[in-house]
Amino acid sequence: MPAPSYTAHRATAPPADPAVRGGDQITAVSHPHRPSGHYERDVRGLASAAMVAEESRCTEPVRLTLSGRDTGYVIAIPVRGPIRVLRQGRETYINPGEGAVFGPLAEATMDTVEDHDYVLVRLDAGALEGALDARLGSAVRRPIELAPTMELHDAAGRWWVGTVRTVLRGAGAGDVLANQTIAAPLLQSLLAAVLAAVAHPYRDALDASVRSWAPHSVRRWVDTIEAFPERPLTTAVLATDAGTSVRALEASWHRHLDSSPADSLRGVRLGRAHGELAEHSPDEVTAGAIGYRWGYARTARFGADYTRRYGLPPEQTLRGPAYA
């Protein structure tokens, strides 16, 4: 996944031709009514090969149009105010706490209310379908027949929306997604959350029990993590290398190590970060930069994990034993 573009735009007047938008925008946007003199719109967006997302706040109603030419999956989430959805001649209203889901080549219009806030996410078809393949360990029929709505009231749904919005709002969002040690597992988690939150023909298979592998297989996977912790390793990558499914790999890890692949990888990377901190001085690098290099998007999380394991903050290790 290449480094994403990150944009922030604030407009105090509607564009001259609001129905035409270029670049990585997900939908065409127009105004069903003439905007008032107090028009204000704020848009933040990011784009990568697998996911495009944007959050828009506007004082006036807007119309979002899916043309029927997009091959990706689109999810529209009202944050403030409902969204009226018209597709295949049927009208529905999507309220905060749920999302409207559109499959590839969907044709639809979505109308917002005044003073609204919405999030749009476009997922590359190959990325979402590949994530389902990896979790099941076999190829699925394409496109995936997703239900038209997505419930977001539970903890998993709130995490999904909150994570997307946090990445969009964060000043360093571009940097976070440009670092593949952070971006790869984050994207995998977001794709897995969608597959768990939206009804589709494979939901029962995802929830079914799965046989775990023997301890020596888990040892080989751990050896891979310890040998190549700098790589953007995910459970999907490890499962593909082993010729198994993500679910079988996770079940094996929990059975034999009482942890998850992500926990094991985080532990190895934390050890590498500790080594780098001990080898450098504050005039050469910051603790936050080392944490970022080893997969920590937030300096505070790096500091908390490091202190829990080593009994002192990373900045203290960086300053040397004289400050211990």
C-alpha atoms as a PDB file:
ATOM      1  CA  MET A   1       0.000   0.000   0.000  1.00  0.00           C
ATOM      2  CA  PRO A   2       1.629   3.276  -1.063  1.00  0.00           C
ATOM      3  CA  ALA A   3       1.865   6.288   1.206  1.00  0.00           C
ATOM      4  CA  PRO A   4      -1.558   7.927   1.414  1.00  0.00           C
ATOM      5  CA  SER A   5      -2.533  11.438   0.525  1.00  0.00           C
ATOM      6  CA  TYR A   6      -4.037  13.435   3.373  1.00  0.00           C
ATOM      7  CA  THR A   7      -6.077  16.581   2.769  1.00  0.00           C
ATOM      8  CA  ALA A   8      -7.998  19.041   4.879  1.00  0.00           C
ATOM      9  CA  HIS A   9     -10.270  21.589   3.212  1.00  0.00           C
ATOM     10  CA  ARG A  10     -12.562  24.250   4.629  1.00  0.00           C
ATOM     11  CA  ALA A  11     -14.964  26.089   2.322  1.00  0.00           C
ATOM     12  CA  THR A  12     -17.114  29.118   3.122  1.00  0.00           C
ATOM     13  CA  ALA A  13     -18.899  29.023  -0.223  1.00  0.00           C
ATOM     14  CA  PRO A  14     -20.066  26.094  -2.379  1.00  0.00           C
ATOM     15  CA  PRO A  15     -17.878  25.229  -5.385  1.00  0.00           C
ATOM     16  CA  ALA A  16     -18.877  26.641  -8.769  1.00  0.00           C
ATOM     17  CA  ASP A  17     -19.624  23.143 -10.056  1.00  0.00           C
ATOM     18  CA  PRO A  18     -20.374  21.101  -6.942  1.00  0.00           C
ATOM     19  CA  ALA A  19     -21.417  18.003  -8.877  1.00  0.00           C
ATOM     20  CA  VAL A  20     -17.873  17.433 -10.119  1.00  0.00           C
ATOM     21  CA  ARG A  21     -15.099  16.382  -7.768  1.00  0.00           C
ATOM     22  CA  GLY A  22     -11.764  14.927  -8.725  1.00  0.00           C
ATOM     23  CA  GLY A  23      -8.876  13.080  -7.144  1.00  0.00           C
ATOM     24  CA  ASP A  24      -9.673  10.470  -4.536  1.00  0.00           C
ATOM     25  CA  GLN A  25     -13.154  11.677  -3.546  1.00  0.00           C
ATOM     26  CA  ILE A  26     -15.608   8.826  -3.072  1.00  0.00           C
ATOM     27  CA  THR A  27     -18.849  10.341  -4.396  1.00  0.00           C
ATOM     28  CA  ALA A  28     -20.096  13.239  -6.445  1.00  0.00           C
ATOM     29  CA  VAL A  29     -21.432  15.978  -4.136  1.00  0.00           C
ATOM     30  CA  SER A  30     -24.111  18.487  -5.061  1.00  0.00           C
ATOM     31  CA  HIS A  31     -26.528  20.812  -3.275  1.00  0.00           C
ATOM     32  CA  PRO A  32     -30.236  20.033  -3.717  1.00  0.00           C
ATOM     33  CA  HIS A  33     -31.065  23.630  -2.684  1.00  0.00           C
ATOM     34  CA  ARG A  34     -29.323  26.950  -3.100  1.00  0.00           C
ATOM     35  CA  PRO A  35     -26.969  27.338  -0.099  1.00  0.00           C
ATOM     36  CA  SER A  36     -27.482  30.251   2.288  1.00  0.00           C
ATOM     37  CA  GLY A  37     -25.026  33.050   2.904  1.00  0.00           C
ATOM     38  CA  HIS A  38     -23.709  31.261   6.009  1.00  0.00           C
ATOM     39  CA  TYR A  39     -22.411  28.239   4.114  1.00  0.00           C
ATOM     40  CA  GLU A  40     -19.489  26.393   5.701  1.00  0.00           C
ATOM     41  CA  ARG A  41     -18.076  22.980   4.860  1.00  0.00           C
ATOM     42  CA  ASP A  42     -15.068  21.185   6.321  1.00  0.00           C
ATOM     43  CA  VAL A  43     -13.719  18.010   4.672  1.00  0.00           C
ATOM     44  CA  ARG A  44     -10.868  15.769   5.764  1.00  0.00           C
ATOM     45  CA  GLY A  45      -9.799  12.810   3.696  1.00  0.00           C
ATOM     46  CA  LEU A  46      -7.119  10.221   3.123  1.00  0.00           C
ATOM     47  CA  ALA A  47      -6.464   7.794   0.323  1.00  0.00           C
ATOM     48  CA  SER A  48      -4.488   4.602  -0.039  1.00  0.00           C
ATOM     49  CA  ALA A  49      -4.641   1.662  -2.400  1.00  0.00           C
ATOM     50  CA  ALA A  50      -6.934  -0.330  -0.104  1.00  0.00           C
ATOM     51  CA  MET A  51      -9.022   2.355   1.602  1.00  0.00           C
ATOM     52  CA  VAL A  52     -10.273   5.861   0.921  1.00  0.00           C
ATOM     53  CA  ALA A  53     -12.021   7.716   3.747  1.00  0.00           C
ATOM     54  CA  GLU A  54     -13.379  11.170   4.374  1.00  0.00           C
ATOM     55  CA  GLU A  55     -15.326  13.023   7.021  1.00  0.00           C
ATOM     56  CA  SER A  56     -17.423  16.020   6.060  1.00  0.00           C
ATOM     57  CA  ARG A  57     -19.217  18.603   8.161  1.00  0.00           C
ATOM     58  CA  CYS A  58     -21.494  21.122   6.463  1.00  0.00           C
ATOM     59  CA  THR A  59     -24.080  23.692   7.494  1.00  0.00           C
ATOM     60  CA  GLU A  60     -26.208  22.960   4.404  1.00  0.00           C
ATOM     61  CA  PRO A  61     -27.834  19.790   3.038  1.00  0.00           C
ATOM     62  CA  VAL A  62     -25.824  17.958   0.379  1.00  0.00           C
ATOM     63  CA  ARG A  63     -26.570  15.122  -2.027  1.00  0.00           C
ATOM     64  CA  LEU A  64     -24.055  12.302  -2.451  1.00  0.00           C
ATOM     65  CA  THR A  65     -24.244  10.264  -5.637  1.00  0.00           C
ATOM     66  CA  LEU A  66     -22.808   6.826  -6.411  1.00  0.00           C
ATOM     67  CA  SER A  67     -22.632   6.560 -10.187  1.00  0.00           C
ATOM     68  CA  GLY A  68     -22.688   2.780 -10.600  1.00  0.00           C
ATOM     69  CA  ARG A  69     -19.122   2.718 -11.945  1.00  0.00           C
ATOM     70  CA  ASP A  70     -17.210   2.256  -8.675  1.00  0.00           C
ATOM     71  CA  THR A  71     -15.894  -1.291  -8.198  1.00  0.00           C
ATOM     72  CA  GLY A  72     -15.263  -0.866  -4.464  1.00  0.00           C
ATOM     73  CA  TYR A  73     -17.444  -1.299  -1.384  1.00  0.00           C
ATOM     74  CA  VAL A  74     -18.725   1.958   0.138  1.00  0.00           C
ATOM     75  CA  ILE A  75     -19.972   2.566   3.685  1.00  0.00           C
ATOM     76  CA  ALA A  76     -21.761   5.809   4.590  1.00  0.00           C
ATOM     77  CA  ILE A  77     -22.015   6.619   8.293  1.00  0.00           C
ATOM     78  CA  PRO A  78     -24.043   9.545   9.652  1.00  0.00           C
ATOM     79  CA  VAL A  79     -22.337  11.037  12.711  1.00  0.00           C
ATOM     80  CA  ARG A  80     -24.754  13.939  13.195  1.00  0.00           C
ATOM     81  CA  GLY A  81     -28.146  13.933  11.500  1.00  0.00           C
ATOM     82  CA  PRO A  82     -29.763  11.126   9.473  1.00  0.00           C
ATOM     83  CA  ILE A  83     -29.048  10.298   5.826  1.00  0.00           C
ATOM     84  CA  ARG A  84     -31.858   9.556   3.361  1.00  0.00           C
ATOM     85  CA  VAL A  85     -30.802   6.753   1.002  1.00  0.00           C
ATOM     86  CA  LEU A  86     -32.465   6.081  -2.341  1.00  0.00           C
ATOM     87  CA  ARG A  87     -31.355   2.951  -4.217  1.00  0.00           C
ATOM     88  CA  GLN A  88     -33.179   0.707  -6.637  1.00  0.00           C
ATOM     89  CA  GLY A  89     -36.288   2.814  -6.116  1.00  0.00           C
ATOM     90  CA  ARG A  90     -36.387   2.170  -2.356  1.00  0.00           C
ATOM     91  CA  GLU A  91     -36.056   4.889   0.266  1.00  0.00           C
ATOM     92  CA  THR A  92     -34.534   4.289   3.694  1.00  0.00           C
ATOM     93  CA  TYR A  93     -33.196   6.501   6.481  1.00  0.00           C
ATOM     94  CA  ILE A  94     -29.863   5.744   8.140  1.00  0.00           C
ATOM     95  CA  ASN A  95     -29.407   7.233  11.619  1.00  0.00           C
ATOM     96  CA  PRO A  96     -26.281   7.731  13.730  1.00  0.00           C
ATOM     97  CA  GLY A  97     -25.227   4.360  15.108  1.00  0.00           C
ATOM     98  CA  GLU A  98     -25.669   2.554  11.817  1.00  0.00           C
ATOM     99  CA  GLY A  99     -24.250   2.746   8.308  1.00  0.00           C
ATOM    100  CA  ALA A 100     -25.444   2.308   4.734  1.00  0.00           C
ATOM    101  CA  VAL A 101     -23.454  -0.334   2.842  1.00  0.00           C
ATOM    102  CA  PHE A 102     -23.047  -0.438  -0.940  1.00  0.00           C
ATOM    103  CA  GLY A 103     -21.474  -3.181  -3.016  1.00  0.00           C
ATOM    104  CA  PRO A 104     -19.500  -2.753  -6.228  1.00  0.00           C
ATOM    105  CA  LEU A 105     -21.182  -0.857  -9.087  1.00  0.00           C
ATOM    106  CA  ALA A 106     -23.921   0.467  -6.822  1.00  0.00           C
ATOM    107  CA  GLU A 107     -26.163   3.296  -8.008  1.00  0.00           C
ATOM    108  CA  ALA A 108     -27.637   5.396  -5.225  1.00  0.00           C
ATOM    109  CA  THR A 109     -28.196   8.903  -3.917  1.00  0.00           C
ATOM    110  CA  MET A 110     -27.863  10.010  -0.296  1.00  0.00           C
ATOM    111  CA  ASP A 111     -29.332  13.233   1.072  1.00  0.00           C
ATOM    112  CA  THR A 112     -28.201  14.786   4.341  1.00  0.00           C
ATOM    113  CA  VAL A 113     -29.890  17.334   6.587  1.00  0.00           C
ATOM    114  CA  GLU A 114     -28.596  20.759   7.624  1.00  0.00           C
ATOM    115  CA  ASP A 115     -25.679  20.908  10.069  1.00  0.00           C
ATOM    116  CA  HIS A 116     -24.669  17.344   9.352  1.00  0.00           C
ATOM    117  CA  ASP A 117     -21.511  15.301   9.862  1.00  0.00           C
ATOM    118  CA  TYR A 118     -20.877  12.085   7.974  1.00  0.00           C
ATOM    119  CA  VAL A 119     -18.055   9.628   7.307  1.00  0.00           C
ATOM    120  CA  LEU A 120     -17.600   7.850   3.979  1.00  0.00           C
ATOM    121  CA  VAL A 121     -15.307   4.858   3.578  1.00  0.00           C
ATOM    122  CA  ARG A 122     -14.474   3.116   0.310  1.00  0.00           C
ATOM    123  CA  LEU A 123     -12.818  -0.293   0.573  1.00  0.00           C
ATOM    124  CA  ASP A 124     -11.017  -1.784  -2.381  1.00  0.00           C
ATOM    125  CA  ALA A 125     -12.888  -4.887  -3.542  1.00  0.00           C
ATOM    126  CA  GLY A 126      -9.761  -7.028  -3.699  1.00  0.00           C
ATOM    127  CA  ALA A 127      -8.695  -5.960  -0.210  1.00  0.00           C
ATOM    128  CA  LEU A 128     -12.041  -6.801   1.455  1.00  0.00           C
ATOM    129  CA  GLU A 129     -12.565 -10.025  -0.477  1.00  0.00           C
ATOM    130  CA  GLY A 130      -8.950 -11.065   0.154  1.00  0.00           C
ATOM    131  CA  ALA A 131      -9.398 -10.425   3.874  1.00  0.00           C
ATOM    132  CA  LEU A 132     -12.404 -12.769   3.901  1.00  0.00           C
ATOM    133  CA  ASP A 133     -10.442 -15.385   1.915  1.00  0.00           C
ATOM    134  CA  ALA A 134      -7.638 -15.187   4.470  1.00  0.00           C
ATOM    135  CA  ARG A 135      -9.914 -15.535   7.485  1.00  0.00           C
ATOM    136  CA  LEU A 136     -11.688 -18.570   6.003  1.00  0.00           C
ATOM    137  CA  GLY A 137      -8.667 -20.140   4.317  1.00  0.00           C
ATOM    138  CA  SER A 138     -10.509 -20.517   1.015  1.00  0.00           C
ATOM    139  CA  ALA A 139     -11.704 -18.340  -1.848  1.00  0.00           C
ATOM    140  CA  VAL A 140     -15.144 -16.725  -1.582  1.00  0.00           C
ATOM    141  CA  ARG A 141     -17.591 -15.829  -4.309  1.00  0.00           C
ATOM    142  CA  ARG A 142     -17.131 -12.300  -5.627  1.00  0.00           C
ATOM    143  CA  PRO A 143     -18.532  -9.785  -5.023  1.00  0.00           C
ATOM    144  CA  ILE A 144     -19.482 -10.419  -1.401  1.00  0.00           C
ATOM    145  CA  GLU A 145     -23.230 -10.005  -0.927  1.00  0.00           C
ATOM    146  CA  LEU A 146     -23.207  -7.580   1.985  1.00  0.00           C
ATOM    147  CA  ALA A 147     -26.375  -6.522   3.783  1.00  0.00           C
ATOM    148  CA  PRO A 148     -27.487  -2.945   2.979  1.00  0.00           C
ATOM    149  CA  THR A 149     -26.932  -1.719   6.551  1.00  0.00           C
ATOM    150  CA  MET A 150     -24.244  -2.028   9.213  1.00  0.00           C
ATOM    151  CA  GLU A 151     -24.988  -1.844  12.953  1.00  0.00           C
ATOM    152  CA  LEU A 152     -22.472   0.231  14.900  1.00  0.00           C
ATOM    153  CA  HIS A 153     -23.966   0.321  18.388  1.00  0.00           C
ATOM    154  CA  ASP A 154     -21.778  -2.417  19.895  1.00  0.00           C
ATOM    155  CA  ALA A 155     -18.176  -2.056  21.027  1.00  0.00           C
ATOM    156  CA  ALA A 156     -16.718  -3.410  17.763  1.00  0.00           C
ATOM    157  CA  GLY A 157     -18.775  -1.016  15.656  1.00  0.00           C
ATOM    158  CA  ARG A 158     -17.903   1.973  17.812  1.00  0.00           C
ATOM    159  CA  TRP A 159     -14.233   1.012  17.637  1.00  0.00           C
ATOM    160  CA  TRP A 160     -14.393   0.835  13.839  1.00  0.00           C
ATOM    161  CA  VAL A 161     -15.960   4.268  13.400  1.00  0.00           C
ATOM    162  CA  GLY A 162     -13.813   5.793  16.126  1.00  0.00           C
ATOM    163  CA  THR A 163     -10.611   4.459  14.590  1.00  0.00           C
ATOM    164  CA  VAL A 164     -11.460   5.780  11.123  1.00  0.00           C
ATOM    165  CA  ARG A 165     -12.332   9.202  12.549  1.00  0.00           C
ATOM    166  CA  THR A 166      -9.204   9.305  14.696  1.00  0.00           C
ATOM    167  CA  VAL A 167      -6.989   8.628  11.690  1.00  0.00           C
ATOM    168  CA  LEU A 168      -8.857  11.268   9.690  1.00  0.00           C
ATOM    169  CA  ARG A 169      -8.645  13.915  12.418  1.00  0.00           C
ATOM    170  CA  GLY A 170      -5.090  13.252  13.553  1.00  0.00           C
ATOM    171  CA  ALA A 171      -2.463  15.741  12.466  1.00  0.00           C
ATOM    172  CA  GLY A 172      -0.102  12.867  11.723  1.00  0.00           C
ATOM    173  CA  ALA A 173      -2.571  10.648   9.884  1.00  0.00           C
ATOM    174  CA  GLY A 174      -0.485  10.558   6.739  1.00  0.00           C
ATOM    175  CA  ASP A 175       2.605   9.535   8.702  1.00  0.00           C
ATOM    176  CA  VAL A 176       0.706   6.788  10.506  1.00  0.00           C
ATOM    177  CA  LEU A 177      -0.543   5.169   7.308  1.00  0.00           C
ATOM    178  CA  ALA A 178       2.779   5.679   5.540  1.00  0.00           C
ATOM    179  CA  ASN A 179       4.470   3.416   8.114  1.00  0.00           C
ATOM    180  CA  GLN A 180       3.582  -0.111   7.040  1.00  0.00           C
ATOM    181  CA  THR A 181       4.351  -1.633  10.435  1.00  0.00           C
ATOM    182  CA  ILE A 182       1.358   0.417  11.641  1.00  0.00           C
ATOM    183  CA  ALA A 183      -0.776   0.619   8.502  1.00  0.00           C
ATOM    184  CA  ALA A 184      -0.851  -3.080   7.570  1.00  0.00           C
ATOM    185  CA  PRO A 185      -2.293  -4.435  10.852  1.00  0.00           C
ATOM    186  CA  LEU A 186      -4.569  -1.400  11.215  1.00  0.00           C
ATOM    187  CA  LEU A 187      -6.075  -2.010   7.777  1.00  0.00           C
ATOM    188  CA  GLN A 188      -6.442  -5.731   8.494  1.00  0.00           C
ATOM    189  CA  SER A 189      -8.317  -4.932  11.716  1.00  0.00           C
ATOM    190  CA  LEU A 190     -10.622  -2.470   9.942  1.00  0.00           C
ATOM    191  CA  LEU A 191     -11.437  -5.002   7.199  1.00  0.00           C
ATOM    192  CA  ALA A 192     -12.041  -7.774   9.737  1.00  0.00           C
ATOM    193  CA  ALA A 193     -14.353  -5.480  11.741  1.00  0.00           C
ATOM    194  CA  VAL A 194     -16.469  -4.779   8.642  1.00  0.00           C
ATOM    195  CA  LEU A 195     -16.772  -8.504   7.895  1.00  0.00           C
ATOM    196  CA  ALA A 196     -17.881  -9.086  11.496  1.00  0.00           C
ATOM    197  CA  ALA A 197     -20.360  -6.189  11.621  1.00  0.00           C
ATOM    198  CA  VAL A 198     -22.178  -6.624   8.286  1.00  0.00           C
ATOM    199  CA  ALA A 199     -24.391  -9.599   7.505  1.00  0.00           C
ATOM    200  CA  HIS A 200     -23.263 -11.710   4.525  1.00  0.00           C
ATOM    201  CA  PRO A 201     -23.412 -15.388   3.443  1.00  0.00           C
ATOM    202  CA  TYR A 202     -20.116 -16.232   5.188  1.00  0.00           C
ATOM    203  CA  ARG A 203     -20.910 -14.897   8.658  1.00  0.00           C
ATOM    204  CA  ASP A 204     -21.758 -18.333  10.099  1.00  0.00           C
ATOM    205  CA  ALA A 205     -18.517 -19.751   8.719  1.00  0.00           C
ATOM    206  CA  LEU A 206     -16.549 -16.921  10.354  1.00  0.00           C
ATOM    207  CA  ASP A 207     -18.208 -17.646  13.700  1.00  0.00           C
ATOM    208  CA  ALA A 208     -17.796 -21.434  13.521  1.00  0.00           C
ATOM    209  CA  SER A 209     -15.148 -23.236  15.571  1.00  0.00           C
ATOM    210  CA  VAL A 210     -11.868 -24.110  13.878  1.00  0.00           C
ATOM    211  CA  ARG A 211      -9.186 -26.712  14.563  1.00  0.00           C
ATOM    212  CA  SER A 212      -5.886 -25.415  15.891  1.00  0.00           C
ATOM    213  CA  TRP A 213      -2.428 -26.524  14.830  1.00  0.00           C
ATOM    214  CA  ALA A 214       0.270 -28.334  16.813  1.00  0.00           C
ATOM    215  CA  PRO A 215       2.737 -26.448  19.055  1.00  0.00           C
ATOM    216  CA  HIS A 216       5.668 -26.849  16.650  1.00  0.00           C
ATOM    217  CA  SER A 217       3.732 -24.955  13.966  1.00  0.00           C
ATOM    218  CA  VAL A 218       3.179 -22.052  16.351  1.00  0.00           C
ATOM    219  CA  ARG A 219       6.892 -22.141  17.207  1.00  0.00           C
ATOM    220  CA  ARG A 220       7.732 -21.686  13.510  1.00  0.00           C
ATOM    221  CA  TRP A 221       5.414 -18.677  13.298  1.00  0.00           C
ATOM    222  CA  VAL A 222       7.015 -17.183  16.405  1.00  0.00           C
ATOM    223  CA  ASP A 223      10.447 -17.757  14.853  1.00  0.00           C
ATOM    224  CA  THR A 224       9.328 -15.778  11.802  1.00  0.00           C
ATOM    225  CA  ILE A 225       8.230 -12.869  13.984  1.00  0.00           C
ATOM    226  CA  GLU A 226      11.477 -12.902  15.940  1.00  0.00           C
ATOM    227  CA  ALA A 227      13.553 -13.021  12.746  1.00  0.00           C
ATOM    228  CA  PHE A 228      11.714 -10.319  10.821  1.00  0.00           C
ATOM    229  CA  PRO A 229       9.931  -7.979  13.271  1.00  0.00           C
ATOM    230  CA  GLU A 230      10.623  -4.954  11.047  1.00  0.00           C
ATOM    231  CA  ARG A 231       8.416  -6.358   8.280  1.00  0.00           C
ATOM    232  CA  PRO A 232       4.718  -5.383   8.022  1.00  0.00           C
ATOM    233  CA  LEU A 233       3.664  -8.770   9.376  1.00  0.00           C
ATOM    234  CA  THR A 234      -0.024  -9.463   9.900  1.00  0.00           C
ATOM    235  CA  THR A 235      -1.934 -12.608  10.768  1.00  0.00           C
ATOM    236  CA  ALA A 236      -3.001 -12.738   7.113  1.00  0.00           C
ATOM    237  CA  VAL A 237       0.642 -12.761   5.971  1.00  0.00           C
ATOM    238  CA  LEU A 238       1.600 -15.428   8.525  1.00  0.00           C
ATOM    239  CA  ALA A 239      -1.427 -17.560   7.649  1.00  0.00           C
ATOM    240  CA  THR A 240      -0.727 -17.352   3.921  1.00  0.00           C
ATOM    241  CA  ASP A 241       2.890 -18.371   4.450  1.00  0.00           C
ATOM    242  CA  ALA A 242       1.741 -21.357   6.523  1.00  0.00           C
ATOM    243  CA  GLY A 243      -1.043 -22.364   4.132  1.00  0.00           C
ATOM    244  CA  THR A 244      -3.748 -22.028   6.752  1.00  0.00           C
ATOM    245  CA  SER A 245      -6.517 -19.595   7.641  1.00  0.00           C
ATOM    246  CA  VAL A 246      -6.250 -16.557   9.881  1.00  0.00           C
ATOM    247  CA  ARG A 247      -8.814 -18.082  12.229  1.00  0.00           C
ATOM    248  CA  ALA A 248      -6.822 -21.330  12.588  1.00  0.00           C
ATOM    249  CA  LEU A 249      -3.632 -19.386  13.224  1.00  0.00           C
ATOM    250  CA  GLU A 250      -5.274 -17.238  15.909  1.00  0.00           C
ATOM    251  CA  ALA A 251      -6.850 -20.289  17.553  1.00  0.00           C
ATOM    252  CA  SER A 252      -3.460 -22.057  17.645  1.00  0.00           C
ATOM    253  CA  TRP A 253      -1.801 -19.042  19.220  1.00  0.00           C
ATOM    254  CA  HIS A 254      -4.440 -18.781  21.946  1.00  0.00           C
ATOM    255  CA  ARG A 255      -4.332 -22.512  22.659  1.00  0.00           C
ATOM    256  CA  HIS A 256      -0.565 -22.916  22.956  1.00  0.00           C
ATOM    257  CA  LEU A 257       0.652 -19.450  24.005  1.00  0.00           C
ATOM    258  CA  ASP A 258      -2.465 -17.962  25.638  1.00  0.00           C
ATOM    259  CA  SER A 259      -1.950 -14.779  23.598  1.00  0.00           C
ATOM    260  CA  SER A 260      -2.462 -13.457  20.081  1.00  0.00           C
ATOM    261  CA  PRO A 261      -0.074 -13.065  17.130  1.00  0.00           C
ATOM    262  CA  ALA A 262      -0.370  -9.287  17.525  1.00  0.00           C
ATOM    263  CA  ASP A 263       0.677  -9.510  21.191  1.00  0.00           C
ATOM    264  CA  SER A 264       3.691 -11.637  20.306  1.00  0.00           C
ATOM    265  CA  LEU A 265       4.764  -9.284  17.536  1.00  0.00           C
ATOM    266  CA  ARG A 266       4.312  -6.257  19.785  1.00  0.00           C
ATOM    267  CA  GLY A 267       6.482  -7.894  22.430  1.00  0.00           C
ATOM    268  CA  VAL A 268       9.312  -8.620  19.995  1.00  0.00           C
ATOM    269  CA  ARG A 269       9.184  -5.103  18.587  1.00  0.00           C
ATOM    270  CA  LEU A 270       9.190  -3.630  22.086  1.00  0.00           C
ATOM    271  CA  GLY A 271      12.392  -5.540  22.761  1.00  0.00           C
ATOM    272  CA  ARG A 272      13.977  -4.160  19.580  1.00  0.00           C
ATOM    273  CA  ALA A 273      12.914  -0.648  20.575  1.00  0.00           C
ATOM    274  CA  HIS A 274      14.529  -1.186  23.972  1.00  0.00           C
ATOM    275  CA  GLY A 275      17.785  -2.136  22.284  1.00  0.00           C
ATOM    276  CA  GLU A 276      17.740   0.972  20.097  1.00  0.00           C
ATOM    277  CA  LEU A 277      17.005   3.236  23.051  1.00  0.00           C
ATOM    278  CA  ALA A 278      19.967   1.801  24.936  1.00  0.00           C
ATOM    279  CA  GLU A 279      22.279   2.305  21.940  1.00  0.00           C
ATOM    280  CA  HIS A 280      21.391   5.939  21.200  1.00  0.00           C
ATOM    281  CA  SER A 281      21.355   9.285  22.991  1.00  0.00           C
ATOM    282  CA  PRO A 282      18.720  12.056  23.095  1.00  0.00           C
ATOM    283  CA  ASP A 283      20.720  14.222  20.681  1.00  0.00           C
ATOM    284  CA  GLU A 284      20.517  11.456  18.050  1.00  0.00           C
ATOM    285  CA  VAL A 285      16.865  10.420  18.181  1.00  0.00           C
ATOM    286  CA  THR A 286      13.691  10.763  20.240  1.00  0.00           C
ATOM    287  CA  ALA A 287      11.918   7.987  22.090  1.00  0.00           C
ATOM    288  CA  GLY A 288       8.784   8.736  20.076  1.00  0.00           C
ATOM    289  CA  ALA A 289      10.643   8.245  16.784  1.00  0.00           C
ATOM    290  CA  ILE A 290      11.927   4.860  17.893  1.00  0.00           C
ATOM    291  CA  GLY A 291       8.462   3.825  19.030  1.00  0.00           C
ATOM    292  CA  TYR A 292       7.002   4.911  15.703  1.00  0.00           C
ATOM    293  CA  ARG A 293       9.607   2.919  13.783  1.00  0.00           C
ATOM    294  CA  TRP A 294       8.598  -0.199  15.718  1.00  0.00           C
ATOM    295  CA  GLY A 295       4.878   0.114  15.085  1.00  0.00           C
ATOM    296  CA  TYR A 296       3.540   2.531  17.702  1.00  0.00           C
ATOM    297  CA  ALA A 297       1.307   5.228  16.254  1.00  0.00           C
ATOM    298  CA  ARG A 298       0.930   6.971  19.620  1.00  0.00           C
ATOM    299  CA  THR A 299       3.869   7.944  21.806  1.00  0.00           C
ATOM    300  CA  ALA A 300       1.714   7.598  24.931  1.00  0.00           C
ATOM    301  CA  ARG A 301       0.891   3.957  24.145  1.00  0.00           C
ATOM    302  CA  PHE A 302       4.579   3.238  23.500  1.00  0.00           C
ATOM    303  CA  GLY A 303       5.523   4.833  26.813  1.00  0.00           C
ATOM    304  CA  ALA A 304       2.873   2.900  28.742  1.00  0.00           C
ATOM    305  CA  ASP A 305       3.804  -0.487  27.239  1.00  0.00           C
ATOM    306  CA  TYR A 306       7.505   0.159  27.656  1.00  0.00           C
ATOM    307  CA  THR A 307       7.190   1.257  31.282  1.00  0.00           C
ATOM    308  CA  ARG A 308       5.028  -1.749  32.101  1.00  0.00           C
ATOM    309  CA  ARG A 309       7.661  -4.128  30.728  1.00  0.00           C
ATOM    310  CA  TYR A 310      10.917  -2.435  31.761  1.00  0.00           C
ATOM    311  CA  GLY A 311       9.907  -0.484  34.842  1.00  0.00           C
ATOM    312  CA  LEU A 312      10.993   2.925  33.552  1.00  0.00           C
ATOM    313  CA  PRO A 313       9.907   5.259  30.745  1.00  0.00           C
ATOM    314  CA  PRO A 314      11.658   4.989  27.343  1.00  0.00           C
ATOM    315  CA  GLU A 315      13.093   8.507  27.669  1.00  0.00           C
ATOM    316  CA  GLN A 316      15.023   7.381  30.732  1.00  0.00           C
ATOM    317  CA  THR A 317      16.600   4.461  28.886  1.00  0.00           C
ATOM    318  CA  LEU A 318      17.523   6.844  26.066  1.00  0.00           C
ATOM    319  CA  ARG A 319      19.348   9.162  28.479  1.00  0.00           C
ATOM    320  CA  GLY A 320      21.498   6.302  29.726  1.00  0.00           C
ATOM    321  CA  PRO A 321      22.190   4.394  32.962  1.00  0.00           C
ATOM    322  CA  ALA A 322      23.306   7.533  34.801  1.00  0.00           C
ATOM    323  CA  TYR A 323      19.649   8.642  34.869  1.00  0.00           C
ATOM    324  CA  ALA A 324      18.174   5.284  35.812  1.00  0.00           C
END
